[in-house]
PDB file of N, CA and C in Angstrom:
ATOM      1  N   MET A   1     242.895  15.461 -65.986  1.00  0.00           N
ATOM      2  CA  MET A   1     241.359  14.651 -65.733  1.00  0.00           C
ATOM      3  C   MET A   1     240.402  15.152 -65.584  1.00  0.00           C
ATOM      4  N   GLY A   2     240.218  16.536 -64.741  1.00  0.00           N
ATOM      5  CA  GLY A   2     239.186  17.784 -64.367  1.00  0.00           C
ATOM      6  C   GLY A   2     238.966  18.432 -65.651  1.00  0.00           C
ATOM      7  N   SER A   3     238.313  17.710 -67.454  1.00  0.00           N
ATOM      8  CA  SER A   3     238.069  18.664 -68.182  1.00  0.00           C
ATOM      9  C   SER A   3     237.079  18.759 -68.183  1.00  0.00           C
ATOM     10  N   GLN A   4     236.864  19.356 -68.587  1.00  0.00           N
ATOM     11  CA  GLN A   4     235.200  18.986 -69.390  1.00  0.00           C
ATOM     12  C   GLN A   4     234.702  18.097 -70.558  1.00  0.00           C
ATOM     13  N   ARG A   5     233.807  17.147 -69.902  1.00  0.00           N
ATOM     14  CA  ARG A   5     233.621  16.114 -70.721  1.00  0.00           C
ATOM     15  C   ARG A   5     232.867  16.066 -72.336  1.00  0.00           C
ATOM     16  N   PRO A   6     232.898  14.942 -73.317  1.00  0.00           N
ATOM     17  CA  PRO A   6     232.300  16.557 -74.827  1.00  0.00           C
ATOM     18  C   PRO A   6     230.476  15.876 -74.098  1.00  0.00           C
ATOM     19  N   ARG A   7     229.872  16.333 -74.628  1.00  0.00           N
ATOM     20  CA  ARG A   7     228.323  16.470 -74.163  1.00  0.00           C
ATOM     21  C   ARG A   7     227.859  15.371 -75.431  1.00  0.00           C
ATOM     22  N   GLY A   8     226.897  14.253 -74.749  1.00  0.00           N
ATOM     23  CA  GLY A   8     226.198  13.825 -76.045  1.00  0.00           C
ATOM     24  C   GLY A   8     226.217  12.125 -75.678  1.00  0.00           C
ATOM     25  N   LEU A   9     228.060  12.249 -75.055  1.00  0.00           N
ATOM     26  CA  LEU A   9     227.679  10.200 -74.581  1.00  0.00           C
ATOM     27  C   LEU A   9     227.323   9.586 -73.543  1.00  0.00           C
ATOM     28  N   ASP A  10     226.548   8.342 -74.087  1.00  0.00           N
ATOM     29  CA  ASP A  10     225.278   7.705 -73.506  1.00  0.00           C
ATOM     30  C   ASP A  10     226.609   6.978 -71.971  1.00  0.00           C
ATOM     31  N   GLU A  11     226.074   6.334 -70.803  1.00  0.00           N
ATOM     32  CA  GLU A  11     227.355   6.070 -70.138  1.00  0.00           C
ATOM     33  C   GLU A  11     228.503   5.219 -70.025  1.00  0.00           C
ATOM     34  N   ASP A  12     228.068   4.053 -71.485  1.00  0.00           N
ATOM     35  CA  ASP A  12     229.236   3.409 -72.116  1.00  0.00           C
ATOM     36  C   ASP A  12     229.455   4.449 -72.381  1.00  0.00           C
ATOM     37  N   GLN A  13     229.744   4.915 -73.687  1.00  0.00           N
ATOM     38  CA  GLN A  13     230.225   5.620 -73.813  1.00  0.00           C
ATOM     39  C   GLN A  13     231.870   6.543 -72.703  1.00  0.00           C
ATOM     40  N   LEU A  14     230.918   7.059 -72.068  1.00  0.00           N
ATOM     41  CA  LEU A  14     231.688   8.179 -70.947  1.00  0.00           C
ATOM     42  C   LEU A  14     232.140   7.249 -69.724  1.00  0.00           C
ATOM     43  N   GLU A  15     231.982   6.101 -69.808  1.00  0.00           N
ATOM     44  CA  GLU A  15     232.941   5.484 -69.476  1.00  0.00           C
ATOM     45  C   GLU A  15     233.871   4.611 -70.143  1.00  0.00           C
ATOM     46  N   GLU A  16     233.798   4.906 -71.374  1.00  0.00           N
ATOM     47  CA  GLU A  16     234.674   4.528 -72.182  1.00  0.00           C
ATOM     48  C   GLU A  16     236.485   5.612 -72.488  1.00  0.00           C
ATOM     49  N   TYR A  17     235.376   7.173 -72.087  1.00  0.00           N
ATOM     50  CA  TYR A  17     236.660   7.820 -72.913  1.00  0.00           C
ATOM     51  C   TYR A  17     237.090   8.343 -71.210  1.00  0.00           C
ATOM     52  N   GLU A  18     236.726   7.706 -70.169  1.00  0.00           N
ATOM     53  CA  GLU A  18     237.313   7.936 -69.113  1.00  0.00           C
ATOM     54  C   GLU A  18     238.629   7.564 -68.603  1.00  0.00           C
ATOM     55  N   LEU A  19     238.328   6.035 -69.569  1.00  0.00           N
ATOM     56  CA  LEU A  19     239.403   5.232 -69.439  1.00  0.00           C
ATOM     57  C   LEU A  19     240.901   5.444 -69.743  1.00  0.00           C
ATOM     58  N   LEU A  20     240.179   5.599 -71.217  1.00  0.00           N
ATOM     59  CA  LEU A  20     241.375   6.947 -72.615  1.00  0.00           C
ATOM     60  C   LEU A  20     241.832   7.809 -71.150  1.00  0.00           C
ATOM     61  N   LEU A  21     241.764   7.878 -70.950  1.00  0.00           N
ATOM     62  CA  LEU A  21     241.780  10.211 -70.264  1.00  0.00           C
ATOM     63  C   LEU A  21     242.684   8.925 -69.656  1.00  0.00           C
ATOM     64  N   GLU A  22     242.107   8.031 -68.848  1.00  0.00           N
ATOM     65  CA  GLU A  22     243.406   8.272 -67.770  1.00  0.00           C
ATOM     66  C   GLU A  22     244.844   7.288 -68.182  1.00  0.00           C
ATOM     67  N   GLU A  23     244.155   6.311 -68.900  1.00  0.00           N
ATOM     68  CA  GLU A  23     245.394   5.685 -69.874  1.00  0.00           C
ATOM     69  C   GLU A  23     246.319   6.716 -69.939  1.00  0.00           C
ATOM     70  N   GLN A  24     245.727   7.744 -71.008  1.00  0.00           N
ATOM     71  CA  GLN A  24     246.788   8.689 -71.338  1.00  0.00           C
ATOM     72  C   GLN A  24     247.362   9.891 -70.388  1.00  0.00           C
ATOM     73  N   ALA A  25     246.406   9.724 -69.338  1.00  0.00           N
ATOM     74  CA  ALA A  25     247.066  11.116 -68.173  1.00  0.00           C
ATOM     75  C   ALA A  25     248.582   9.688 -67.250  1.00  0.00           C
ATOM     76  N   PHE A  26     248.113   8.938 -67.450  1.00  0.00           N
ATOM     77  CA  PHE A  26     249.207   7.820 -65.783  1.00  0.00           C
ATOM     78  C   PHE A  26     249.881   8.830 -66.590  1.00  0.00           C
ATOM     79  N   PRO A  27     251.602   8.255 -67.912  1.00  0.00           N
ATOM     80  CA  PRO A  27     252.899   8.087 -68.010  1.00  0.00           C
ATOM     81  C   PRO A  27     252.552  10.021 -67.326  1.00  0.00           C
ATOM     82  N   PHE A  28     251.999  10.770 -67.312  1.00  0.00           N
ATOM     83  CA  PHE A  28     252.505  11.981 -67.223  1.00  0.00           C
ATOM     84  C   PHE A  28     252.632  12.738 -65.241  1.00  0.00           C
ATOM     85  N   GLU A  29     251.297  11.700 -64.904  1.00  0.00           N
ATOM     86  CA  GLU A  29     251.184  11.904 -63.268  1.00  0.00           C
ATOM     87  C   GLU A  29     251.919  11.208 -62.561  1.00  0.00           C
ATOM     88  N   GLU A  30     252.923  10.058 -63.505  1.00  0.00           N
ATOM     89  CA  GLU A  30     254.456   9.095 -62.902  1.00  0.00           C
ATOM     90  C   GLU A  30     255.012  10.035 -63.020  1.00  0.00           C
ATOM     91  N   LYS A  31     255.403  11.371 -64.145  1.00  0.00           N
ATOM     92  CA  LYS A  31     256.495  11.641 -64.460  1.00  0.00           C
ATOM     93  C   LYS A  31     256.423  12.726 -63.388  1.00  0.00           C
ATOM     94  N   ALA A  32     255.190  13.551 -62.766  1.00  0.00           N
ATOM     95  CA  ALA A  32     255.428  14.243 -62.211  1.00  0.00           C
ATOM     96  C   ALA A  32     255.661  14.004 -60.307  1.00  0.00           C
ATOM     97  N   ILE A  33     255.208  12.397 -60.557  1.00  0.00           N
ATOM     98  CA  ILE A  33     255.896  12.167 -59.257  1.00  0.00           C
ATOM     99  C   ILE A  33     257.287  11.805 -59.060  1.00  0.00           C
ATOM    100  N   ASP A  34     258.501  11.512 -60.042  1.00  0.00           N
ATOM    101  CA  ASP A  34     259.300  11.151 -59.975  1.00  0.00           C
ATOM    102  C   ASP A  34     260.205  12.224 -60.074  1.00  0.00           C
ATOM    103  N   ILE A  35     258.957  13.487 -60.715  1.00  0.00           N
ATOM    104  CA  ILE A  35     260.495  14.947 -59.926  1.00  0.00           C
ATOM    105  C   ILE A  35     259.834  15.108 -58.446  1.00  0.00           C
ATOM    106  N   HIS A  36     258.981  15.776 -58.229  1.00  0.00           N
ATOM    107  CA  HIS A  36     258.554  15.303 -56.574  1.00  0.00           C
ATOM    108  C   HIS A  36     258.920  14.794 -55.713  1.00  0.00           C
ATOM    109  N   LEU A  37     260.400  13.396 -56.258  1.00  0.00           N
ATOM    110  CA  LEU A  37     259.892  13.359 -55.153  1.00  0.00           C
ATOM    111  C   LEU A  37     261.983  13.043 -55.306  1.00  0.00           C
ATOM    112  N   THR A  38     261.832  13.405 -56.381  1.00  0.00           N
ATOM    113  CA  THR A  38     263.303  14.200 -56.248  1.00  0.00           C
ATOM    114  C   THR A  38     264.246  14.985 -55.630  1.00  0.00           C
ATOM    115  N   ASN A  39     262.839  16.142 -55.072  1.00  0.00           N
ATOM    116  CA  ASN A  39     263.047  17.147 -54.030  1.00  0.00           C
ATOM    117  C   ASN A  39     262.267  16.433 -52.908  1.00  0.00           C
ATOM    118  N   PHE A  40     261.813  15.379 -52.811  1.00  0.00           N
ATOM    119  CA  PHE A  40     261.453  15.253 -51.096  1.00  0.00           C
ATOM    120  C   PHE A  40     262.648  14.517 -50.600  1.00  0.00           C
ATOM    121  N   LYS A  41     263.781  13.911 -51.628  1.00  0.00           N
ATOM    122  CA  LYS A  41     265.082  13.263 -51.046  1.00  0.00           C
ATOM    123  C   LYS A  41     266.019  13.483 -50.425  1.00  0.00           C
ATOM    124  N   ARG A  42     265.960  15.232 -51.264  1.00  0.00           N
ATOM    125  CA  ARG A  42     266.842  16.473 -50.609  1.00  0.00           C
ATOM    126  C   ARG A  42     266.569  16.656 -49.103  1.00  0.00           C
ATOM    127  N   ILE A  43     265.833  16.691 -48.981  1.00  0.00           N
ATOM    128  CA  ILE A  43     265.305  16.781 -47.349  1.00  0.00           C
ATOM    129  C   ILE A  43     266.775  16.283 -46.648  1.00  0.00           C
ATOM    130  N   PRO A  44     266.655  15.055 -46.551  1.00  0.00           N
ATOM    131  CA  PRO A  44     268.004  14.416 -45.594  1.00  0.00           C
ATOM    132  C   PRO A  44     269.536  15.659 -45.720  1.00  0.00           C
ATOM    133  N   LYS A  45     269.764  15.919 -46.590  1.00  0.00           N
ATOM    134  CA  LYS A  45     270.432  16.489 -47.303  1.00  0.00           C
ATOM    135  C   LYS A  45     270.891  18.127 -46.578  1.00  0.00           C
ATOM    136  N   GLY A  46     269.268  18.351 -46.734  1.00  0.00           N
ATOM    137  CA  GLY A  46     270.111  19.745 -46.214  1.00  0.00           C
ATOM    138  C   GLY A  46     268.860  21.151 -46.635  1.00  0.00           C
ATOM    139  N   THR A  47     268.097  20.868 -48.154  1.00  0.00           N
ATOM    140  CA  THR A  47     267.716  21.128 -48.232  1.00  0.00           C
ATOM    141  C   THR A  47     266.474  20.971 -47.975  1.00  0.00           C
ATOM    142  N   TYR A  48     265.304  21.853 -48.097  1.00  0.00           N
ATOM    143  CA  TYR A  48     263.559  22.438 -47.189  1.00  0.00           C
ATOM    144  C   TYR A  48     263.989  23.876 -47.687  1.00  0.00           C
ATOM    145  N   ASP A  49     263.141  24.333 -49.222  1.00  0.00           N
ATOM    146  CA  ASP A  49     262.947  25.560 -49.721  1.00  0.00           C
ATOM    147  C   ASP A  49     261.637  25.279 -49.641  1.00  0.00           C
ATOM    148  N   GLU A  50     261.439  26.292 -50.164  1.00  0.00           N
ATOM    149  CA  GLU A  50     259.675  26.528 -50.750  1.00  0.00           C
ATOM    150  C   GLU A  50     259.639  25.367 -52.089  1.00  0.00           C
ATOM    151  N   PRO A  51     259.956  25.343 -52.985  1.00  0.00           N
ATOM    152  CA  PRO A  51     260.331  24.508 -54.066  1.00  0.00           C
ATOM    153  C   PRO A  51     259.898  23.107 -53.407  1.00  0.00           C
ATOM    154  N   THR A  52     260.146  22.386 -52.494  1.00  0.00           N
ATOM    155  CA  THR A  52     260.605  21.515 -52.192  1.00  0.00           C
ATOM    156  C   THR A  52     259.166  21.713 -50.939  1.00  0.00           C
ATOM    157  N   LYS A  53     258.772  22.422 -50.182  1.00  0.00           N
ATOM    158  CA  LYS A  53     257.399  22.325 -49.626  1.00  0.00           C
ATOM    159  C   LYS A  53     256.269  22.136 -50.656  1.00  0.00           C
ATOM    160  N   LYS A  54     256.656  22.724 -51.649  1.00  0.00           N
ATOM    161  CA  LYS A  54     255.908  22.235 -52.717  1.00  0.00           C
ATOM    162  C   LYS A  54     255.816  21.006 -53.388  1.00  0.00           C
ATOM    163  N   SER A  55     256.967  20.556 -53.292  1.00  0.00           N
ATOM    164  CA  SER A  55     256.449  19.013 -53.777  1.00  0.00           C
ATOM    165  C   SER A  55     256.083  17.998 -52.534  1.00  0.00           C
ATOM    166  N   LEU A  56     256.011  18.569 -51.540  1.00  0.00           N
ATOM    167  CA  LEU A  56     255.789  17.589 -50.686  1.00  0.00           C
ATOM    168  C   LEU A  56     253.530  17.809 -50.677  1.00  0.00           C
ATOM    169  N   GLN A  57     253.484  18.891 -51.494  1.00  0.00           N
ATOM    170  CA  GLN A  57     252.191  18.845 -50.925  1.00  0.00           C
ATOM    171  C   GLN A  57     251.605  18.727 -52.333  1.00  0.00           C
ATOM    172  N   VAL A  58     252.064  18.117 -53.066  1.00  0.00           N
ATOM    173  CA  VAL A  58     252.250  17.938 -53.831  1.00  0.00           C
ATOM    174  C   VAL A  58     251.895  16.630 -54.067  1.00  0.00           C
ATOM    175  N   LEU A  59     252.513  16.156 -53.566  1.00  0.00           N
ATOM    176  CA  LEU A  59     253.007  14.273 -53.799  1.00  0.00           C
ATOM    177  C   LEU A  59     252.210  13.914 -52.400  1.00  0.00           C
ATOM    178  N   GLY A  60     250.834  14.857 -51.863  1.00  0.00           N
ATOM    179  CA  GLY A  60     250.840  14.596 -50.846  1.00  0.00           C
ATOM    180  C   GLY A  60     248.575  14.042 -51.192  1.00  0.00           C
ATOM    181  N   GLU A  61     248.302  14.777 -52.452  1.00  0.00           N
ATOM    182  CA  GLU A  61     247.718  14.932 -53.306  1.00  0.00           C
ATOM    183  C   GLU A  61     248.012  13.521 -54.152  1.00  0.00           C
ATOM    184  N   LEU A  62     248.806  13.433 -54.867  1.00  0.00           N
ATOM    185  CA  LEU A  62     249.284  12.077 -56.088  1.00  0.00           C
ATOM    186  C   LEU A  62     249.457  11.031 -55.114  1.00  0.00           C
ATOM    187  N   MET A  63     249.863  10.887 -54.103  1.00  0.00           N
ATOM    188  CA  MET A  63     250.494   9.427 -53.389  1.00  0.00           C
ATOM    189  C   MET A  63     249.683   9.937 -51.757  1.00  0.00           C
ATOM    190  N   PRO A  64     248.295  10.142 -51.234  1.00  0.00           N
ATOM    191  CA  PRO A  64     247.816  10.605 -50.411  1.00  0.00           C
ATOM    192  C   PRO A  64     248.540   9.047 -49.172  1.00  0.00           C
ATOM    193  N   PHE A  65     248.545   8.349 -49.687  1.00  0.00           N
ATOM    194  CA  PHE A  65     248.561   6.818 -48.904  1.00  0.00           C
ATOM    195  C   PHE A  65     250.032   7.171 -48.029  1.00  0.00           C
ATOM    196  N   ARG A  66     250.478   7.765 -48.715  1.00  0.00           N
ATOM    197  CA  ARG A  66     252.762   7.112 -47.893  1.00  0.00           C
ATOM    198  C   ARG A  66     252.451   8.967 -47.496  1.00  0.00           C
ATOM    199  N   PHE A  67     252.198  10.093 -48.526  1.00  0.00           N
ATOM    200  CA  PHE A  67     252.398  11.469 -47.821  1.00  0.00           C
ATOM    201  C   PHE A  67     251.554  12.462 -47.330  1.00  0.00           C
ATOM    202  N   ALA A  68     250.418  12.000 -47.116  1.00  0.00           N
ATOM    203  CA  ALA A  68     249.177  12.554 -46.424  1.00  0.00           C
ATOM    204  C   ALA A  68     249.026  11.858 -44.985  1.00  0.00           C
ATOM    205  N   ARG A  69     249.731  11.279 -44.530  1.00  0.00           N
ATOM    206  CA  ARG A  69     248.529  10.591 -43.699  1.00  0.00           C
ATOM    207  C   ARG A  69     248.701  11.039 -42.485  1.00  0.00           C
ATOM    208  N   VAL A  70     248.090  11.046 -41.528  1.00  0.00           N
ATOM    209  CA  VAL A  70     247.901  12.136 -40.188  1.00  0.00           C
ATOM    210  C   VAL A  70     248.094  11.184 -38.779  1.00  0.00           C
ATOM    211  N   GLU A  71     248.631  11.336 -38.414  1.00  0.00           N
ATOM    212  CA  GLU A  71     249.149  11.077 -36.961  1.00  0.00           C
ATOM    213  C   GLU A  71     247.922  10.533 -36.382  1.00  0.00           C
ATOM    214  N   SER A  72     247.584   9.245 -35.362  1.00  0.00           N
ATOM    215  CA  SER A  72     247.084   9.282 -34.492  1.00  0.00           C
ATOM    216  C   SER A  72     247.318   9.442 -33.214  1.00  0.00           C
ATOM    217  N   THR A  73     247.061   9.747 -32.400  1.00  0.00           N
ATOM    218  CA  THR A  73     247.520   9.494 -30.344  1.00  0.00           C
ATOM    219  C   THR A  73     246.527   8.983 -29.893  1.00  0.00           C
ATOM    220  N   ASP A  74     246.820   8.000 -28.605  1.00  0.00           N
ATOM    221  CA  ASP A  74     245.959   7.642 -27.747  1.00  0.00           C
ATOM    222  C   ASP A  74     246.183   8.116 -26.908  1.00  0.00           C
ATOM    223  N   ALA A  75     245.462   9.096 -26.456  1.00  0.00           N
ATOM    224  CA  ALA A  75     245.269  10.112 -24.958  1.00  0.00           C
ATOM    225  C   ALA A  75     245.126   9.064 -23.856  1.00  0.00           C
ATOM    226  N   TYR A  76     246.033   9.183 -22.406  1.00  0.00           N
ATOM    227  CA  TYR A  76     245.937   7.980 -21.511  1.00  0.00           C
ATOM    228  C   TYR A  76     246.297   8.678 -20.484  1.00  0.00           C
ATOM    229  N   VAL A  77     245.628   8.401 -18.872  1.00  0.00           N
ATOM    230  CA  VAL A  77     246.225   8.963 -17.701  1.00  0.00           C
ATOM    231  C   VAL A  77     246.968   7.394 -17.135  1.00  0.00           C
ATOM    232  N   ASP A  78     248.183   8.077 -17.077  1.00  0.00           N
ATOM    233  CA  ASP A  78     249.204   7.455 -15.553  1.00  0.00           C
ATOM    234  C   ASP A  78     248.438   6.973 -14.200  1.00  0.00           C
ATOM    235  N   ILE A  79     247.285   6.463 -13.417  1.00  0.00           N
ATOM    236  CA  ILE A  79     246.926   6.534 -12.072  1.00  0.00           C
ATOM    237  C   ILE A  79     248.038   5.713 -11.495  1.00  0.00           C
ATOM    238  N   GLN A  80     248.171   5.839 -11.089  1.00  0.00           N
ATOM    239  CA  GLN A  80     250.155   5.347  -9.870  1.00  0.00           C
ATOM    240  C   GLN A  80     249.195   5.523  -8.448  1.00  0.00           C
TER     241      GLN A  80
END
C-alpha cells in the first residue's frame, strides 16, 4: 500500500487505482493477521519470546482497535 503511484493519473483514476490496490492487498493482510494471531495465542501457554513480541507489534499496527489500545486511568483523592 505504500508503493509509488503511477504518474499522470487524474483524481478519478488515482482513486480507482487505490481501490484496486486495496482489493489486491487485502488477502495478504488477512493472512498476516492470521499468522500473527497464532503467535499471540501462544502467550497463555507460556511462550513469550522475540517473535511473539514482534507479532504483537504488527498486530498493533494492523488492528490498533484491538491490540494498540491505551489504558486510561483517573486519579482520585480519598478524603475522609
